[in-house]
Amino acid sequence: MKLAVLVLVISLFLISCSESARVLSAEEQYSALDAKYSQSVGARYEECRMGDQTLIVVSGNGGTSGELHYYDSSGKKVGEYYWDDVRVPGEPEPPFSFDAQTCVVLRRSSR
């Protein structure tokens, strides 16, 4: 009986870990950021072009910190970037950079 309970507990733990490690889709990421930043600047879901490449950029902005999540046209997550208002030497730059003219906002928090 104790062994069965132990196996059940381990199984539930492994299921929990695998679900928390699952990569969110762009839509799921937008919903999560919309909720997370609902009391601040909010979230955006954009389509951005860089040469012949199109990326979906999902962002959340809290005013002094935020995050960007990048997806390719097939929906695969290809990068992420977290920022805040404290810059330190050697801090990594975002993996992609776009001009405002290259992005079209598809969804935006209604705040």
C-alpha atoms as a PDB file:
ATOM      1  CA  MET A   1       0.000   0.000   0.000  1.00  0.00           C
ATOM      2  CA  LYS A   2       2.790   2.439   0.913  1.00  0.00           C
ATOM      3  CA  LEU A   3       4.542   1.674  -2.361  1.00  0.00           C
ATOM      4  CA  ALA A   4       1.354   2.389  -4.343  1.00  0.00           C
ATOM      5  CA  VAL A   5       0.928   5.746  -2.592  1.00  0.00           C
ATOM      6  CA  LEU A   6       4.575   6.613  -3.232  1.00  0.00           C
ATOM      7  CA  VAL A   7       4.228   5.731  -6.921  1.00  0.00           C
ATOM      8  CA  LEU A   8       1.079   7.871  -7.144  1.00  0.00           C
ATOM      9  CA  VAL A   9       2.777  10.844  -5.483  1.00  0.00           C
ATOM     10  CA  ILE A  10       5.803  10.591  -7.774  1.00  0.00           C
ATOM     11  CA  SER A  11       3.557  10.289 -10.835  1.00  0.00           C
ATOM     12  CA  LEU A  12       1.578  13.383  -9.863  1.00  0.00           C
ATOM     13  CA  PHE A  13       4.810  15.284  -9.228  1.00  0.00           C
ATOM     14  CA  LEU A  14       6.195  14.350 -12.643  1.00  0.00           C
ATOM     15  CA  ILE A  15       2.961  15.347 -14.370  1.00  0.00           C
ATOM     16  CA  SER A  16       3.014  18.662 -12.527  1.00  0.00           C
ATOM     17  CA  CYS A  17       6.628  19.318 -13.540  1.00  0.00           C
ATOM     18  CA  SER A  18       6.036  18.497 -17.183  1.00  0.00           C
ATOM     19  CA  GLU A  19       3.009  20.803 -17.362  1.00  0.00           C
ATOM     20  CA  SER A  20       4.862  23.708 -15.761  1.00  0.00           C
ATOM     21  CA  ALA A  21       7.757  23.241 -18.193  1.00  0.00           C
ATOM     22  CA  ARG A  22       5.428  23.227 -21.219  1.00  0.00           C
ATOM     23  CA  VAL A  23       6.032  26.101 -23.615  1.00  0.00           C
ATOM     24  CA  LEU A  24       2.967  28.305 -23.967  1.00  0.00           C
ATOM     25  CA  SER A  25       1.565  29.036 -27.405  1.00  0.00           C
ATOM     26  CA  ALA A  26       1.508  32.678 -28.514  1.00  0.00           C
ATOM     27  CA  GLU A  27      -2.206  32.939 -27.656  1.00  0.00           C
ATOM     28  CA  GLU A  28      -1.697  31.364 -24.224  1.00  0.00           C
ATOM     29  CA  GLN A  29       1.277  33.643 -23.593  1.00  0.00           C
ATOM     30  CA  TYR A  30      -0.808  36.696 -24.518  1.00  0.00           C
ATOM     31  CA  SER A  31      -3.579  35.656 -22.119  1.00  0.00           C
ATOM     32  CA  ALA A  32      -1.048  35.086 -19.322  1.00  0.00           C
ATOM     33  CA  LEU A  33       0.636  38.458 -19.877  1.00  0.00           C
ATOM     34  CA  ASP A  34      -2.699  40.237 -20.210  1.00  0.00           C
ATOM     35  CA  ALA A  35      -3.625  38.962 -16.739  1.00  0.00           C
ATOM     36  CA  LYS A  36      -0.148  39.578 -15.275  1.00  0.00           C
ATOM     37  CA  TYR A  37       0.090  43.179 -16.499  1.00  0.00           C
ATOM     38  CA  SER A  38      -3.616  44.041 -16.232  1.00  0.00           C
ATOM     39  CA  GLN A  39      -3.026  46.729 -13.589  1.00  0.00           C
ATOM     40  CA  SER A  40      -0.239  48.385 -15.581  1.00  0.00           C
ATOM     41  CA  VAL A  41       0.594  49.187 -19.207  1.00  0.00           C
ATOM     42  CA  GLY A  42      -0.727  45.821 -20.415  1.00  0.00           C
ATOM     43  CA  ALA A  43       0.003  43.269 -23.123  1.00  0.00           C
ATOM     44  CA  ARG A  44       0.324  43.281 -26.923  1.00  0.00           C
ATOM     45  CA  TYR A  45       0.210  40.635 -29.635  1.00  0.00           C
ATOM     46  CA  GLU A  46       2.000  41.810 -32.777  1.00  0.00           C
ATOM     47  CA  GLU A  47       3.035  40.500 -36.153  1.00  0.00           C
ATOM     48  CA  CYS A  48       6.472  41.804 -37.106  1.00  0.00           C
ATOM     49  CA  ARG A  49       8.415  41.482 -40.348  1.00  0.00           C
ATOM     50  CA  MET A  50      12.178  41.297 -40.548  1.00  0.00           C
ATOM     51  CA  GLY A  51      13.205  40.873 -44.177  1.00  0.00           C
ATOM     52  CA  ASP A  52      11.365  37.797 -45.432  1.00  0.00           C
ATOM     53  CA  GLN A  53      10.799  36.487 -41.897  1.00  0.00           C
ATOM     54  CA  THR A  54       7.536  37.067 -40.006  1.00  0.00           C
ATOM     55  CA  LEU A  55       7.476  36.751 -36.223  1.00  0.00           C
ATOM     56  CA  ILE A  56       4.720  36.982 -33.673  1.00  0.00           C
ATOM     57  CA  VAL A  57       5.846  39.112 -30.731  1.00  0.00           C
ATOM     58  CA  VAL A  58       3.872  38.841 -27.503  1.00  0.00           C
ATOM     59  CA  SER A  59       4.811  41.413 -24.892  1.00  0.00           C
ATOM     60  CA  GLY A  60       3.844  42.468 -21.406  1.00  0.00           C
ATOM     61  CA  ASN A  61       4.775  45.846 -19.977  1.00  0.00           C
ATOM     62  CA  GLY A  62       4.647  46.847 -16.343  1.00  0.00           C
ATOM     63  CA  GLY A  63       6.155  50.291 -16.844  1.00  0.00           C
ATOM     64  CA  THR A  64       9.488  49.565 -15.176  1.00  0.00           C
ATOM     65  CA  SER A  65       9.801  45.952 -16.310  1.00  0.00           C
ATOM     66  CA  GLY A  66       8.419  43.667 -18.939  1.00  0.00           C
ATOM     67  CA  GLU A  67       8.920  40.704 -21.190  1.00  0.00           C
ATOM     68  CA  LEU A  68       8.901  39.815 -24.874  1.00  0.00           C
ATOM     69  CA  HIS A  69       8.194  36.364 -26.317  1.00  0.00           C
ATOM     70  CA  TYR A  70       8.958  35.585 -29.966  1.00  0.00           C
ATOM     71  CA  TYR A  71       7.254  32.942 -32.154  1.00  0.00           C
ATOM     72  CA  ASP A  72       7.888  32.013 -35.776  1.00  0.00           C
ATOM     73  CA  SER A  73       5.098  31.739 -38.350  1.00  0.00           C
ATOM     74  CA  SER A  74       4.598  28.045 -37.520  1.00  0.00           C
ATOM     75  CA  GLY A  75       3.956  28.888 -33.852  1.00  0.00           C
ATOM     76  CA  LYS A  76       7.284  27.645 -32.494  1.00  0.00           C
ATOM     77  CA  LYS A  77       8.764  29.778 -29.719  1.00  0.00           C
ATOM     78  CA  VAL A  78      12.100  31.135 -30.961  1.00  0.00           C
ATOM     79  CA  GLY A  79      13.157  33.487 -28.170  1.00  0.00           C
ATOM     80  CA  GLU A  80      12.305  35.556 -25.145  1.00  0.00           C
ATOM     81  CA  TYR A  81      13.638  38.639 -23.409  1.00  0.00           C
ATOM     82  CA  TYR A  82      12.993  40.067 -19.948  1.00  0.00           C
ATOM     83  CA  TRP A  83      13.840  43.683 -19.183  1.00  0.00           C
ATOM     84  CA  ASP A  84      13.718  46.210 -16.381  1.00  0.00           C
ATOM     85  CA  ASP A  85      14.721  49.815 -15.867  1.00  0.00           C
ATOM     86  CA  VAL A  86      18.098  48.885 -14.382  1.00  0.00           C
ATOM     87  CA  ARG A  87      20.747  48.507 -17.095  1.00  0.00           C
ATOM     88  CA  VAL A  88      24.052  46.878 -16.262  1.00  0.00           C
ATOM     89  CA  PRO A  89      27.151  46.577 -18.449  1.00  0.00           C
ATOM     90  CA  GLY A  90      27.158  43.401 -20.515  1.00  0.00           C
ATOM     91  CA  GLU A  91      23.425  42.832 -20.167  1.00  0.00           C
ATOM     92  CA  PRO A  92      22.081  40.833 -23.132  1.00  0.00           C
ATOM     93  CA  GLU A  93      20.109  42.582 -25.838  1.00  0.00           C
ATOM     94  CA  PRO A  94      16.769  41.299 -27.180  1.00  0.00           C
ATOM     95  CA  PRO A  95      17.256  38.467 -29.697  1.00  0.00           C
ATOM     96  CA  PHE A  96      15.319  40.426 -32.343  1.00  0.00           C
ATOM     97  CA  SER A  97      14.917  44.126 -33.020  1.00  0.00           C
ATOM     98  CA  PHE A  98      12.157  45.785 -35.044  1.00  0.00           C
ATOM     99  CA  ASP A  99      11.261  49.280 -36.161  1.00  0.00           C
ATOM    100  CA  ALA A 100       7.766  50.404 -35.202  1.00  0.00           C
ATOM    101  CA  GLN A 101       6.847  50.447 -38.913  1.00  0.00           C
ATOM    102  CA  THR A 102       7.568  46.732 -39.301  1.00  0.00           C
ATOM    103  CA  CYS A 103       5.024  45.574 -36.681  1.00  0.00           C
ATOM    104  CA  VAL A 104       1.246  45.461 -36.785  1.00  0.00           C
ATOM    105  CA  VAL A 105      -0.588  45.249 -33.457  1.00  0.00           C
ATOM    106  CA  LEU A 106      -3.159  42.458 -33.714  1.00  0.00           C
ATOM    107  CA  ARG A 107      -4.370  42.533 -30.092  1.00  0.00           C
ATOM    108  CA  ARG A 108      -3.822  44.938 -27.232  1.00  0.00           C
ATOM    109  CA  SER A 109      -4.996  45.045 -23.640  1.00  0.00           C
ATOM    110  CA  SER A 110      -8.009  47.299 -23.337  1.00  0.00           C
ATOM    111  CA  ARG A 111      -6.886  49.497 -20.462  1.00  0.00           C
END
